[in-house]
Protein backbone atom coordinates (compact mmCIF):
# COMPACT_ATOMS: atom_id res chain seq x y z
CA MET A 1 0.00 0.00 0.00
CA THR A 2 1.25 3.45 -0.93
CA ARG A 3 -0.10 5.93 1.59
CA PRO A 4 1.01 9.06 3.43
CA TYR A 5 2.98 8.89 6.65
CA ILE A 6 0.36 9.29 9.38
CA PHE A 7 1.01 10.87 12.75
CA CYS A 8 -1.71 11.16 15.37
CA HIS A 9 -1.32 14.54 17.09
CA MET A 10 -3.59 15.34 20.04
CA GLN A 11 -3.89 17.43 23.17
CA THR A 12 -5.13 15.69 26.31
CA SER A 13 -5.80 16.40 29.94
CA LEU A 14 -3.72 14.73 32.63
CA ASP A 15 -6.32 11.93 32.69
CA GLY A 16 -6.24 11.38 28.93
CA LYS A 17 -9.37 13.27 27.83
CA ILE A 18 -9.33 15.04 24.46
CA ILE A 19 -12.12 17.55 25.21
CA GLY A 20 -13.61 19.04 28.37
CA ASN A 21 -13.70 21.99 30.72
CA TYR A 22 -10.01 21.54 31.48
CA MET A 23 -9.28 23.23 28.14
CA GLU A 24 -10.60 26.54 29.55
CA THR A 25 -7.95 26.66 32.29
CA PRO A 26 -4.75 28.66 31.73
CA GLU A 27 -2.87 25.36 31.62
CA GLY A 28 -5.31 23.93 29.09
CA ARG A 29 -5.04 26.99 26.85
CA ALA A 30 -1.25 26.92 27.05
CA GLY A 31 -1.28 23.25 26.05
CA SER A 32 -3.58 24.05 23.15
CA ASP A 33 -1.22 26.78 21.96
CA TRP A 34 1.74 24.39 22.08
CA PHE A 35 -0.28 21.71 20.27
CA TYR A 36 -1.03 24.22 17.50
CA GLU A 37 2.53 25.48 17.17
CA LEU A 38 3.90 21.95 16.82
CA ALA A 39 1.73 21.12 13.80
CA PHE A 40 0.56 24.46 12.36
CA GLY A 41 2.95 27.14 13.56
CA THR A 42 5.52 29.06 11.53
CA ASN A 43 8.29 26.74 12.71
CA ALA A 44 6.15 23.62 13.09
CA HIS A 45 7.79 20.31 13.93
CA TYR A 46 5.33 18.51 11.65
CA LYS A 47 5.19 20.07 8.18
CA HIS A 48 2.13 18.19 6.98
CA GLN A 49 -0.07 18.87 3.95
CA GLY A 50 -3.36 18.05 5.61
CA TRP A 51 -5.15 16.83 8.71
CA LEU A 52 -7.88 14.26 9.07
CA SER A 53 -10.77 13.96 11.53
CA GLY A 54 -14.07 12.14 11.91
CA ARG A 55 -17.58 13.47 11.42
CA THR A 56 -18.25 14.25 15.09
CA THR A 57 -14.98 16.14 15.50
CA THR A 58 -15.77 18.11 12.34
CA ASP A 59 -19.25 18.98 13.60
CA ASP A 60 -17.89 19.98 17.00
CA ASN A 61 -15.31 22.34 15.54
CA PHE A 62 -16.37 23.50 12.08
CA THR A 63 -19.86 22.62 10.78
CA HIS A 64 -21.58 22.85 14.18
CA TYR A 65 -24.25 20.23 13.43
CA LYS A 66 -25.86 22.17 10.59
CA LYS A 67 -27.91 20.08 8.17
CA PRO A 68 -26.74 20.03 4.54
CA ASN A 69 -28.96 22.05 2.21
CA LEU A 70 -29.51 19.23 -0.29
CA PRO A 71 -30.71 20.13 -3.80
CA LYS A 72 -34.20 19.01 -4.80
CA ASN A 73 -34.35 16.55 -7.69
CA PRO A 74 -30.61 16.69 -8.45
CA PRO A 75 -29.29 15.09 -11.64
CA GLN A 76 -27.39 11.83 -11.32
CA VAL A 77 -23.79 12.73 -10.55
CA PRO A 78 -20.94 10.99 -12.40
CA ASP A 79 -19.42 7.92 -10.81
CA GLY A 80 -16.17 8.17 -8.91
CA ASP A 81 -14.29 10.85 -7.05
CA PHE A 82 -14.65 14.61 -7.42
CA ILE A 83 -11.46 16.67 -7.23
CA VAL A 84 -11.50 20.48 -7.16
CA PRO A 85 -8.35 22.42 -8.07
CA THR A 86 -7.34 24.75 -5.25
CA ARG A 87 -4.75 27.39 -4.43
CA HIS A 88 -4.55 26.13 -0.85
CA THR A 89 -1.53 24.14 0.27
CA LYS A 90 -3.36 22.57 3.24
CA TYR A 91 -6.29 20.15 3.18
CA TYR A 92 -8.83 19.28 5.84
CA ILE A 93 -10.03 15.72 5.36
CA SER A 94 -13.28 14.67 7.02
CA ILE A 95 -14.34 11.04 7.35
CA ASP A 96 -18.09 11.24 6.66
CA PRO A 97 -19.19 7.77 5.47
CA SER A 98 -22.93 8.49 5.03
CA GLY A 99 -22.64 12.14 3.94
CA LYS A 100 -24.13 14.17 6.78
CA LEU A 101 -22.00 17.27 7.27
CA GLY A 102 -23.59 20.63 6.48
CA TRP A 103 -20.74 22.52 4.85
CA GLU A 104 -21.34 26.13 3.82
CA THR A 105 -18.07 26.70 1.93
CA ASN A 106 -15.30 24.53 0.51
CA THR A 107 -12.66 25.98 2.85
CA LEU A 108 -12.24 26.40 6.58
CA THR A 109 -10.02 28.40 8.89
CA TYR A 110 -8.44 26.96 12.03
CA ARG A 111 -6.80 29.84 13.88
CA ASP A 112 -4.60 31.26 11.10
CA THR A 113 -4.52 28.11 8.95
CA GLU A 114 -6.76 27.96 5.86
CA ALA A 115 -7.53 24.61 4.25
CA HIS A 116 -9.50 23.14 1.36
CA VAL A 117 -12.14 20.65 2.48
CA VAL A 118 -12.03 17.03 1.29
CA GLU A 119 -14.85 14.65 2.22
CA VAL A 120 -14.23 10.90 2.47
CA LEU A 121 -17.48 9.10 1.65
CA THR A 122 -18.65 5.53 1.22
CA ASP A 123 -21.30 4.22 -1.17
CA ARG A 124 -23.86 4.93 1.57
CA ALA A 125 -23.68 8.64 0.71
CA SER A 126 -26.67 9.66 -1.39
CA ASN A 127 -26.62 11.09 -4.89
CA ALA A 128 -28.19 14.25 -3.45
CA TYR A 129 -25.35 14.67 -0.96
CA LYS A 130 -22.70 14.24 -3.64
CA ALA A 131 -24.56 16.78 -5.79
CA PHE A 132 -24.55 19.12 -2.77
CA LEU A 133 -20.77 18.78 -2.45
CA ARG A 134 -20.33 19.44 -6.16
CA GLU A 135 -22.42 22.61 -5.91
CA LYS A 136 -20.19 23.77 -3.04
CA GLN A 137 -17.06 22.79 -5.00
CA ILE A 138 -16.01 20.48 -2.18
CA SER A 139 -13.72 17.63 -3.18
CA TYR A 140 -14.70 14.11 -2.23
CA VAL A 141 -13.31 10.61 -2.56
CA LEU A 142 -15.16 7.32 -2.27
CA ALA A 143 -13.62 4.64 -0.05
CA GLY A 144 -15.74 1.63 0.81
CA LYS A 145 -19.23 0.29 0.24
CA SER A 146 -21.16 0.01 3.50
CA SER A 147 -18.22 0.94 5.75
CA LEU A 148 -15.03 2.96 5.45
CA ASP A 149 -12.05 1.41 3.70
CA ALA A 150 -9.46 3.53 5.47
CA GLY A 151 -6.52 2.08 3.56
CA LEU A 152 -8.13 2.94 0.22
CA ALA A 153 -8.92 6.44 1.48
CA LEU A 154 -5.27 7.03 2.39
CA GLU A 155 -4.08 5.69 -0.97
CA LYS A 156 -6.38 8.15 -2.73
CA LEU A 157 -5.18 11.06 -0.59
CA ARG A 158 -1.64 10.30 -1.70
CA ASP A 159 -2.43 9.60 -5.36
CA LEU A 160 -5.01 12.35 -6.01
CA PHE A 161 -3.73 15.14 -3.74
CA ASN A 162 -0.05 14.20 -3.40
CA LEU A 163 -0.27 14.16 0.40
CA GLN A 164 2.95 12.77 1.85
CA LEU A 165 2.42 13.61 5.54
CA VAL A 166 -1.03 13.69 7.13
CA MET A 167 -2.03 14.46 10.70
CA LEU A 168 -4.67 12.24 12.29
CA GLY A 169 -6.74 14.26 14.74
CA GLY A 170 -9.82 12.15 15.62
CA GLY A 171 -12.05 11.27 17.74
CA GLY A 172 -10.70 8.60 19.97
CA VAL A 173 -12.62 6.00 17.96
CA LEU A 174 -11.06 7.10 14.68
CA ASN A 175 -7.59 7.35 16.23
CA TRP A 176 -7.76 3.83 17.61
CA SER A 177 -9.22 2.29 14.45
CA PHE A 178 -6.30 3.66 12.41
CA ILE A 179 -3.78 2.34 14.93
CA GLU A 180 -5.45 -1.05 15.10
CA GLN A 181 -5.41 -1.34 11.29
CA GLY A 182 -1.70 -0.47 11.13
CA LEU A 183 -2.41 2.85 9.40
CA CYS A 184 -0.81 5.16 11.98
CA ASP A 185 2.97 5.47 12.19
CA GLU A 186 3.52 7.91 15.04
CA VAL A 187 1.67 9.31 18.07
CA SER A 188 2.28 12.82 19.39
CA VAL A 189 0.53 13.91 22.60
CA VAL A 190 0.63 17.26 24.38
CA ILE A 191 -0.52 16.58 27.96
CA SER A 192 -1.80 19.65 29.79
CA PRO A 193 -1.39 19.69 33.59
CA ALA A 194 -5.15 20.00 34.13
CA ALA A 195 -8.18 17.72 34.41
CA ASP A 196 -11.90 18.00 35.09
CA GLY A 197 -12.84 14.39 35.89
CA ALA A 198 -15.73 14.28 33.40
CA ALA A 199 -16.58 10.61 32.94
CA GLU A 200 -18.38 11.15 29.63
CA SER A 201 -15.54 12.94 27.86
CA PRO A 202 -13.83 10.90 25.11
CA SER A 203 -10.27 9.75 25.61
CA LEU A 204 -7.29 9.64 23.27
CA PHE A 205 -8.09 6.11 22.06
CA GLU A 206 -11.45 4.33 22.25
CA THR A 207 -12.92 1.13 20.86
CA LYS A 208 -16.31 0.87 19.21
CA ALA A 209 -18.33 -2.30 18.75
CA GLY A 210 -18.19 -3.52 15.17
CA LEU A 211 -15.38 -1.12 14.27
CA SER A 212 -12.41 -1.91 16.49
CA GLY A 213 -11.29 -4.22 19.28
CA ASP A 214 -9.13 -4.01 22.36
CA ALA A 215 -6.07 -6.01 21.31
CA PRO A 216 -3.10 -4.21 22.91
CA VAL A 217 -0.66 -2.12 20.88
CA ALA A 218 2.81 -1.10 22.09
CA PHE A 219 4.69 2.14 21.38
CA GLU A 220 8.36 3.12 21.25
CA LEU A 221 9.28 6.43 22.89
CA GLN A 222 11.02 8.89 20.55
CA GLY A 223 11.03 12.08 22.59
CA ALA A 224 9.77 13.83 25.72
CA GLU A 225 9.79 17.59 26.29
CA THR A 226 8.26 20.03 28.75
CA ASN A 227 7.48 23.74 28.56
CA SER A 228 7.00 26.54 31.06
CA SER A 229 3.27 25.84 31.46
CA GLY A 230 4.00 22.39 32.85
CA ALA A 231 2.73 20.61 29.74
CA VAL A 232 4.54 17.53 28.44
CA TRP A 233 5.00 16.62 24.77
CA LEU A 234 5.48 12.92 24.14
CA ARG A 235 6.33 11.31 20.78
CA TYR A 236 6.04 7.59 20.09
CA LEU A 237 6.42 5.31 17.11
CA VAL A 238 3.71 2.70 16.82
CA LYS A 239 5.22 -0.77 17.11
CA LYS A 240 4.03 -2.98 14.28
């Protein structure tokens, strides 16, 4: 398989949660700033061409659970992928198997980073949704029939968009499914010295029935750094 190098880059609380009230503390905000600088800053450690998240993460941060404004009686769209030329050098890739995200434009802005949107769909996505994406000039690739073929999706990201280095920024479920399938090469975690104890908050890695299991995976430490806020940055290679 020819695919990009994938690194999972996340910020967590001291108890391993990826979202929560801890992020509003000074320590949480400082950790978030360090997380951003490492992957998106002027002198970023990771000089990636795009980052990839799941549908829930996308809704939480960018589309805010809006419903797509689907066209009425759309024509049958052509088979296959839909690639839009863009001036942007960064891509935001959203795993959206059924086609549910309510995009309003074909770009997004994360702090001072602008990116062209790419949707990863399966054959469950409707003709109307694909017509909606075409109207918005949003690129999409098809990867899988009833469920996501993550390996195929990554191959297409490399072949169609020339992505060599991609950041994985799930959802704990998405993060773990990529690791379990051997599709993640490196894990980078900025741990903020804060926690809120919320039991319902998702963690860095999570299983989901029918999607992933709990077979253990080991990691090889590559680096550990601290900064003045008390945050710790850990880098691991995923042992195959």
